[in-house]
Amino acid sequence: MGEFDLIARYFTRPVRRAVLGVGDDCALLQPRAGMQLAVSSDMLVEGRHFFAGTNAYRLGHKALAVNLSDLAACGARPVAFTLALALPSVDEPWLQAFSSGLLALADAHGCELVGGDTTQGPLNICITVFGEVPAGQALLRSGARAGDDLYVSGQLGDARLALESLLGHLELPSAVLGPAQQRLEAPTPRVALGQALRGIASAALDVSDGLLGDLGHLLRASGVGACVDTSCTSALLAAQAQARLCGQPLKTELVRQCTLAGGDDYELLFTAAASQRPAVLAAAQASTTPITRIGTIEATTGLRLIDDQGQAITARYASFDHFA
């Protein structure tokens, strides 16, 4: 199968909203009146971002999910995406599964595949996603203010826990590893929550490299500090409950490491004024997304961690950095 046969069979579909999709040198997008385009790119490299042999359907899902998570953090509605794909060889069963996972998530969010590129080489997936957001309403990292509440959506740490087990650093019962690995390989982008938070959240970003590391980006952009209650964040590790049922409770320090610096969570971290608590709760309910208030924004720059007794935690937790 040649390059263009591969594209035609697995990645060409009629577009409904884009002006022009796959087939020409460029796709054409036309934002609706009063809208701005939100654009983000992410790359997944075999051996760096995912294991060789990862389930192809889940990999297709994740490749798009990590990009949709960026749109969610901006409060944008997905519109279209491009796919650049390097393949060692043409493996039709793999391509069928990968494209099915990719396009199933795309269809769930009304996001059209409008172009891209394919080449031969080590397995590498790069997606650029396009969304739209009303002019002046995009959620940014720079709007947090002293006194704001700090929230996170969903669960934290399960992806890191699964990674530690898959790397052979710890043993987990299959009943614990299975759901955690699902979170690692097929995260849920919080697109509906991001849109529901427009006009409510003061700042936002998605948690991709670890809670504290990504929070640091928000704090620097806003020129503020924060206090995080680790008892709130630790409770968000869904695997804890299953581990207890299996008679193998997780150690406190492992839980903190996973939830505070885990990475691959793809949850939304956001701030909002205390007066917006009813509106935040309504946004969570409208988007059927669980949220947890985990701390407070402070005027003094820097980050403080406290335990369930309100005592300071001095341990340092380093988030993922490709070049550290």
Protein backbone atom coordinates (compact mmCIF):
# COMPACT_ATOMS: atom_id res chain seq x y z
CA MET A 1 0.00 0.00 0.00
CA GLY A 2 1.39 3.41 -0.97
CA GLU A 3 1.30 6.62 1.06
CA PHE A 4 -1.73 8.09 -0.68
CA ASP A 5 -3.64 4.82 -0.62
CA LEU A 6 -2.99 4.68 3.14
CA ILE A 7 -4.31 8.22 3.61
CA ALA A 8 -7.36 7.56 1.46
CA ARG A 9 -8.27 4.32 3.22
CA TYR A 10 -7.74 5.30 6.87
CA PHE A 11 -7.73 9.08 7.20
CA THR A 12 -9.89 10.67 4.48
CA ARG A 13 -13.45 11.62 5.36
CA PRO A 14 -15.89 14.22 4.03
CA VAL A 15 -15.83 17.47 6.01
CA ARG A 16 -19.00 19.13 7.22
CA ARG A 17 -17.87 22.37 8.83
CA ALA A 18 -14.46 23.05 7.30
CA VAL A 19 -14.43 24.86 3.96
CA LEU A 20 -11.93 22.35 2.55
CA GLY A 21 -10.43 19.19 4.01
CA VAL A 22 -8.02 16.46 2.92
CA GLY A 23 -6.81 16.49 -0.70
CA ASP A 24 -5.32 19.91 -1.43
CA ASP A 25 -2.09 21.57 -0.30
CA CYS A 26 -3.93 23.33 2.53
CA ALA A 27 -7.17 22.84 4.41
CA LEU A 28 -9.43 25.87 4.71
CA LEU A 29 -11.14 26.86 7.96
CA GLN A 30 -13.57 29.72 8.43
CA PRO A 31 -14.20 30.78 12.06
CA ARG A 32 -17.71 31.92 12.80
CA ALA A 33 -18.31 35.64 13.23
CA GLY A 34 -17.06 36.90 16.59
CA MET A 35 -14.86 33.85 17.16
CA GLN A 36 -11.10 33.49 17.56
CA LEU A 37 -9.13 30.40 16.52
CA ALA A 38 -7.42 28.44 19.30
CA VAL A 39 -4.54 26.29 18.00
CA SER A 40 -2.40 23.68 19.77
CA SER A 41 0.08 20.95 18.75
CA ASP A 42 1.30 17.86 20.59
CA MET A 43 3.69 15.11 19.57
CA LEU A 44 3.75 11.50 20.83
CA VAL A 45 6.96 9.55 20.23
CA GLU A 46 7.25 5.79 20.73
CA GLY A 47 9.62 4.99 23.57
CA ARG A 48 9.25 8.50 25.00
CA HIS A 49 5.52 9.07 25.40
CA PHE A 50 4.22 5.51 25.04
CA PHE A 51 5.52 1.95 25.12
CA ALA A 52 6.13 -0.08 21.98
CA GLY A 53 3.14 -2.35 21.55
CA THR A 54 0.65 0.02 23.23
CA ASN A 55 -2.91 -0.81 22.21
CA ALA A 56 -3.36 0.98 18.87
CA TYR A 57 -7.00 1.97 19.46
CA ARG A 58 -6.09 3.61 22.78
CA LEU A 59 -3.08 5.28 21.19
CA GLY A 60 -5.27 6.84 18.52
CA HIS A 61 -7.62 8.08 21.24
CA LYS A 62 -4.80 9.51 23.34
CA ALA A 63 -3.09 11.22 20.41
CA LEU A 64 -6.15 13.41 19.92
CA ALA A 65 -7.20 13.57 23.58
CA VAL A 66 -4.02 15.36 24.68
CA ASN A 67 -4.69 18.05 22.08
CA LEU A 68 -8.38 18.37 22.95
CA SER A 69 -7.28 18.84 26.56
CA ASP A 70 -5.39 21.99 25.51
CA LEU A 71 -8.53 23.34 23.83
CA ALA A 72 -10.48 22.53 27.00
CA ALA A 73 -8.01 24.54 29.08
CA CYS A 74 -8.63 27.51 26.79
CA GLY A 75 -12.43 27.11 26.90
CA ALA A 76 -12.52 26.44 23.16
CA ARG A 77 -14.87 24.27 21.11
CA PRO A 78 -13.05 21.73 18.88
CA VAL A 79 -13.39 22.33 15.14
CA ALA A 80 -10.71 20.46 13.19
CA PHE A 81 -7.29 18.81 13.39
CA THR A 82 -4.37 17.69 11.25
CA LEU A 83 -2.34 14.49 11.66
CA ALA A 84 1.36 14.02 10.87
CA LEU A 85 2.26 10.35 11.18
CA ALA A 86 5.62 8.59 10.82
CA LEU A 87 5.33 4.80 10.49
CA PRO A 88 8.06 2.13 10.42
CA SER A 89 5.96 0.16 7.91
CA VAL A 90 2.40 -0.23 6.67
CA ASP A 91 0.66 -2.44 9.23
CA GLU A 92 -2.99 -2.52 8.17
CA PRO A 93 -4.48 -4.05 11.35
CA TRP A 94 -2.58 -1.45 13.43
CA LEU A 95 -3.74 1.37 11.14
CA GLN A 96 -7.35 0.19 11.33
CA ALA A 97 -7.29 0.15 15.14
CA PHE A 98 -5.37 3.42 15.45
CA SER A 99 -7.62 5.32 13.05
CA SER A 100 -10.73 3.89 14.71
CA GLY A 101 -9.65 5.15 18.15
CA LEU A 102 -8.62 8.50 16.74
CA LEU A 103 -11.78 9.11 14.73
CA ALA A 104 -14.16 7.81 17.41
CA LEU A 105 -12.95 10.54 19.77
CA ALA A 106 -12.98 13.08 16.94
CA ASP A 107 -16.61 12.24 16.17
CA ALA A 108 -17.54 12.47 19.86
CA HIS A 109 -16.35 16.08 19.86
CA GLY A 110 -17.34 17.09 16.34
CA CYS A 111 -13.70 17.61 15.37
CA GLU A 112 -12.86 17.00 11.70
CA LEU A 113 -9.62 15.58 10.30
CA VAL A 114 -8.71 18.07 7.56
CA GLY A 115 -5.13 17.26 6.55
CA GLY A 116 -1.62 16.26 7.57
CA ASP A 117 1.28 14.16 6.34
CA THR A 118 2.64 10.61 6.42
CA THR A 119 6.20 9.34 6.11
CA GLN A 120 8.29 6.29 6.92
CA GLY A 121 10.32 6.38 10.11
CA PRO A 122 10.19 5.60 13.85
CA LEU A 123 6.61 5.73 15.12
CA ASN A 124 5.80 9.38 15.77
CA ILE A 125 2.37 11.03 15.97
CA CYS A 126 1.92 14.80 15.78
CA ILE A 127 -1.50 16.42 15.87
CA THR A 128 -2.42 20.08 15.50
CA VAL A 129 -5.90 20.91 16.68
CA PHE A 130 -8.05 23.95 15.93
CA GLY A 131 -10.86 25.27 18.06
CA GLU A 132 -12.94 28.39 18.34
CA VAL A 133 -13.73 30.57 21.31
CA PRO A 134 -15.71 33.83 21.51
CA ALA A 135 -13.39 36.81 21.13
CA GLY A 136 -12.06 37.92 24.51
CA GLN A 137 -13.45 34.89 26.40
CA ALA A 138 -10.53 32.45 26.16
CA LEU A 139 -9.32 31.05 29.48
CA LEU A 140 -5.68 32.01 30.05
CA ARG A 141 -2.98 31.17 32.58
CA SER A 142 -2.50 34.79 33.57
CA GLY A 143 -5.75 35.73 35.34
CA ALA A 144 -5.41 34.21 38.83
CA ARG A 145 -5.73 36.68 41.70
CA ALA A 146 -5.03 36.51 45.44
CA GLY A 147 -7.99 35.00 47.27
CA ASP A 148 -9.12 32.87 44.32
CA ASP A 149 -10.00 29.24 44.93
CA LEU A 150 -7.86 26.60 43.22
CA TYR A 151 -9.64 23.63 41.63
CA VAL A 152 -8.80 20.49 39.69
CA SER A 153 -11.14 18.27 37.69
CA GLY A 154 -11.47 14.49 37.83
CA GLN A 155 -8.74 12.25 39.25
CA LEU A 156 -5.00 12.68 39.66
CA GLY A 157 -2.11 10.26 39.82
CA ASP A 158 -3.51 7.04 38.35
CA ALA A 159 -1.56 7.43 35.11
CA ARG A 160 1.72 7.86 36.99
CA LEU A 161 0.93 4.88 39.22
CA ALA A 162 0.35 2.71 36.15
CA LEU A 163 3.57 3.96 34.58
CA GLU A 164 5.60 3.08 37.67
CA SER A 165 4.16 -0.43 37.58
CA LEU A 166 4.72 -0.89 33.84
CA LEU A 167 8.33 0.26 34.28
CA GLY A 168 8.78 -2.44 36.91
CA HIS A 169 9.27 -0.03 39.81
CA LEU A 170 6.41 -1.52 41.84
CA GLU A 171 3.93 -4.37 41.69
CA LEU A 172 0.20 -3.74 41.55
CA PRO A 173 -2.69 -6.21 41.58
CA SER A 174 -4.34 -6.46 38.16
CA ALA A 175 -7.53 -4.99 39.66
CA VAL A 176 -5.56 -1.84 40.49
CA LEU A 177 -3.32 -1.70 37.42
CA GLY A 178 -6.09 -2.21 34.86
CA PRO A 179 -8.14 0.94 35.56
CA ALA A 180 -4.98 2.98 36.20
CA GLN A 181 -3.52 1.89 32.85
CA GLN A 182 -6.79 2.89 31.20
CA ARG A 183 -6.29 6.39 32.60
CA LEU A 184 -2.72 6.43 31.29
CA GLU A 185 -3.54 5.24 27.79
CA ALA A 186 -7.00 6.75 27.22
CA PRO A 187 -7.44 10.01 29.16
CA THR A 188 -10.69 11.98 29.05
CA PRO A 189 -10.32 15.55 27.74
CA ARG A 190 -12.51 17.90 29.80
CA VAL A 191 -13.83 19.84 26.81
CA ALA A 192 -17.35 20.46 28.13
CA LEU A 193 -16.05 21.73 31.48
CA GLY A 194 -13.64 24.14 29.79
CA GLN A 195 -16.44 25.73 27.80
CA ALA A 196 -18.73 25.85 30.84
CA LEU A 197 -16.05 27.76 32.80
CA ARG A 198 -15.86 30.68 30.35
CA GLY A 199 -16.67 33.85 32.25
CA ILE A 200 -16.32 31.99 35.57
CA ALA A 201 -12.73 30.80 35.89
CA SER A 202 -10.07 33.47 36.27
CA ALA A 203 -7.24 31.26 34.94
CA ALA A 204 -6.82 27.71 33.67
CA LEU A 205 -4.47 25.17 32.12
CA ASP A 206 -4.42 21.41 31.67
CA VAL A 207 -2.37 19.07 33.86
CA SER A 208 -0.07 17.18 31.51
CA ASP A 209 3.36 17.15 33.19
CA GLY A 210 2.27 17.00 36.84
CA LEU A 211 0.03 19.09 39.09
CA LEU A 212 2.69 21.17 40.85
CA GLY A 213 4.82 21.74 37.78
CA ASP A 214 1.85 22.89 35.73
CA LEU A 215 0.52 24.97 38.63
CA GLY A 216 3.90 26.70 38.64
CA HIS A 217 3.29 27.87 35.06
CA LEU A 218 -0.05 29.39 36.08
CA LEU A 219 1.42 31.09 39.15
CA ARG A 220 4.29 32.63 37.19
CA ALA A 221 1.98 33.86 34.44
CA SER A 222 -0.33 35.43 37.02
CA GLY A 223 2.40 36.75 39.34
CA VAL A 224 0.91 35.08 42.42
CA GLY A 225 1.51 32.18 44.81
CA ALA A 226 -0.64 29.34 46.14
CA CYS A 227 -1.27 27.06 49.08
CA VAL A 228 -2.21 23.45 48.18
CA ASP A 229 -3.88 21.07 50.63
CA THR A 230 -2.28 17.70 49.86
CA SER A 231 -5.01 15.83 51.73
CA CYS A 232 -7.43 17.03 49.03
CA THR A 233 -5.16 16.09 46.15
CA SER A 234 -4.22 12.68 47.59
CA ALA A 235 -7.90 11.76 47.79
CA LEU A 236 -8.09 12.11 44.00
CA LEU A 237 -5.99 9.00 43.31
CA ALA A 238 -8.79 6.63 42.27
CA ALA A 239 -6.54 3.57 42.57
CA GLN A 240 -6.28 4.04 46.34
CA ALA A 241 -9.71 2.62 47.07
CA GLN A 242 -9.16 -0.46 44.90
CA ALA A 243 -5.71 -1.03 46.41
CA ARG A 244 -7.24 -1.04 49.90
CA LEU A 245 -9.85 -3.57 48.77
CA CYS A 246 -7.01 -5.76 47.51
CA GLY A 247 -5.32 -5.54 50.89
CA GLN A 248 -2.35 -3.60 49.50
CA PRO A 249 -2.81 0.04 50.57
CA LEU A 250 -0.51 2.52 48.87
CA LYS A 251 2.15 4.34 50.88
CA THR A 252 1.51 8.00 51.61
CA GLU A 253 4.67 9.20 49.89
CA LEU A 254 3.86 7.22 46.73
CA VAL A 255 0.38 8.72 46.67
CA ARG A 256 1.79 12.23 47.01
CA GLN A 257 4.37 11.62 44.29
CA CYS A 258 1.73 10.36 41.89
CA THR A 259 -0.87 13.04 42.55
CA LEU A 260 1.43 16.05 42.92
CA ALA A 261 3.99 15.31 40.21
CA GLY A 262 2.55 12.42 38.22
CA GLY A 263 1.84 13.72 34.74
CA ASP A 264 -0.42 12.38 31.96
CA ASP A 265 -3.55 13.29 33.94
CA TYR A 266 -5.04 15.70 31.35
CA GLU A 267 -7.34 17.23 33.92
CA LEU A 268 -8.13 20.94 34.16
CA LEU A 269 -6.49 23.04 36.86
CA PHE A 270 -8.26 26.35 37.28
CA THR A 271 -8.89 29.27 39.60
CA ALA A 272 -12.03 31.25 40.36
CA ALA A 273 -13.05 33.93 42.82
CA ALA A 274 -14.60 32.62 46.03
CA SER A 275 -17.79 34.45 45.06
CA GLN A 276 -18.01 32.18 42.00
CA ARG A 277 -18.34 28.94 43.97
CA PRO A 278 -22.02 28.40 43.04
CA ALA A 279 -21.22 29.10 39.37
CA VAL A 280 -18.24 26.71 39.42
CA LEU A 281 -20.41 23.98 40.92
CA ALA A 282 -23.08 24.62 38.27
CA ALA A 283 -20.45 24.38 35.50
CA ALA A 284 -19.23 21.07 36.90
CA GLN A 285 -22.76 19.71 37.06
CA ALA A 286 -23.66 20.96 33.59
CA SER A 287 -20.59 19.24 32.13
CA THR A 288 -20.99 16.13 34.33
CA THR A 289 -17.39 16.54 35.45
CA PRO A 290 -16.28 16.09 39.08
CA ILE A 291 -14.19 18.92 40.52
CA THR A 292 -12.31 19.37 43.80
CA ARG A 293 -11.20 22.57 45.53
CA ILE A 294 -7.57 21.91 46.48
CA GLY A 295 -6.21 25.24 47.67
CA THR A 296 -6.09 29.01 47.54
CA ILE A 297 -4.21 31.59 45.50
CA GLU A 298 -2.01 33.89 47.59
CA ALA A 299 -0.50 37.31 46.95
CA THR A 300 3.01 36.24 47.97
CA THR A 301 4.71 34.38 45.14
CA GLY A 302 5.78 30.78 45.66
CA LEU A 303 4.03 27.54 46.50
CA ARG A 304 3.15 26.14 49.93
CA LEU A 305 2.05 22.56 50.59
CA ILE A 306 0.17 21.55 53.75
CA ASP A 307 -0.99 18.20 55.10
CA ASP A 308 -4.34 17.24 56.61
CA GLN A 309 -3.30 18.86 59.90
CA GLY A 310 -2.42 22.15 58.22
CA GLN A 311 1.29 21.52 58.74
CA ALA A 312 3.81 22.53 56.11
CA ILE A 313 5.26 19.83 53.84
CA THR A 314 8.86 20.54 52.94
CA ALA A 315 9.45 17.68 50.50
CA ARG A 316 9.97 18.72 46.88
CA TYR A 317 8.08 17.11 44.00
CA ALA A 318 9.53 17.50 40.51
CA SER A 319 7.19 17.25 37.53
CA PHE A 320 8.13 15.83 34.14
CA ASP A 321 10.54 17.76 31.93
CA HIS A 322 11.71 16.33 28.58
CA PHE A 323 15.17 17.86 28.91
CA ALA A 324 15.74 17.83 32.68
